[in-house]
Amino acid sequence: MPHTHASTKAEAIHVALEVFQEVHHHQPDPHEKARLVSDTIKEWEHEQVEVMHAGAEAL
């Protein structure tokens, strides 16, 4: 999954859903959507941890 670079989880999920629809030419079914949301949240949280660590190292 690509980096989200979104400022909020909601924004990251919204973008991920839009990208899915563009790539697959349909809206995700409930199982696809659940997986997409889960994967997006994991990636977003991972990015936030990286940002926090980078900020801590700069101090």
Protein backbone atom coordinates (compact mmCIF):
# COMPACT_ATOMS: atom_id res chain seq x y z
CA MET A 1 0.00 0.00 0.00
CA PRO A 2 1.40 3.41 -0.90
CA HIS A 3 2.05 6.06 1.69
CA THR A 4 -1.04 8.09 2.46
CA HIS A 5 0.59 11.39 3.45
CA ALA A 6 -2.85 12.40 4.77
CA SER A 7 -3.20 14.59 7.83
CA THR A 8 -6.09 12.54 9.29
CA LYS A 9 -7.28 8.94 9.22
CA ALA A 10 -10.55 10.07 7.66
CA GLU A 11 -8.72 11.80 4.82
CA ALA A 12 -6.53 8.76 4.24
CA ILE A 13 -9.57 6.48 4.07
CA HIS A 14 -11.40 8.84 1.73
CA VAL A 15 -8.43 8.96 -0.64
CA ALA A 16 -7.98 5.18 -0.50
CA LEU A 17 -11.64 4.64 -1.42
CA GLU A 18 -11.37 7.08 -4.33
CA VAL A 19 -8.21 5.38 -5.62
CA PHE A 20 -9.82 1.95 -5.32
CA GLN A 21 -12.81 3.10 -7.37
CA GLU A 22 -10.60 4.64 -10.05
CA VAL A 23 -8.43 1.53 -10.33
CA HIS A 24 -11.16 -1.11 -10.14
CA HIS A 25 -13.97 0.87 -11.80
CA HIS A 26 -16.47 -0.05 -9.08
CA GLN A 27 -17.15 0.69 -5.45
CA PRO A 28 -15.65 -1.82 -3.03
CA ASP A 29 -17.95 -4.51 -1.69
CA PRO A 30 -18.20 -4.69 2.13
CA HIS A 31 -15.29 -7.13 2.45
CA GLU A 32 -13.04 -5.10 0.15
CA LYS A 33 -13.99 -1.91 1.95
CA ALA A 34 -13.26 -3.39 5.39
CA ARG A 35 -9.85 -4.59 4.24
CA LEU A 36 -9.07 -1.28 2.54
CA VAL A 37 -10.04 0.71 5.64
CA SER A 38 -8.00 -1.58 7.89
CA ASP A 39 -4.91 -1.46 5.67
CA THR A 40 -5.21 2.30 5.25
CA ILE A 41 -5.43 2.89 8.99
CA LYS A 42 -2.39 0.67 9.62
CA GLU A 43 -0.36 2.56 7.01
CA TRP A 44 -1.52 5.96 8.31
CA GLU A 45 -0.62 5.04 11.90
CA HIS A 46 2.78 3.73 10.76
CA GLU A 47 3.45 7.03 9.01
CA GLN A 48 2.47 8.97 12.13
CA VAL A 49 4.92 6.95 14.22
CA GLU A 50 7.67 7.70 11.67
CA VAL A 51 6.86 11.42 11.89
CA MET A 52 6.95 11.33 15.71
CA HIS A 53 10.30 9.51 15.70
CA ALA A 54 11.76 11.94 13.17
CA GLY A 55 10.61 14.83 15.35
CA ALA A 56 12.10 13.27 18.47
CA GLU A 57 15.42 12.69 16.73
CA ALA A 58 15.56 16.32 15.66
CA LEU A 59 15.52 17.43 19.30
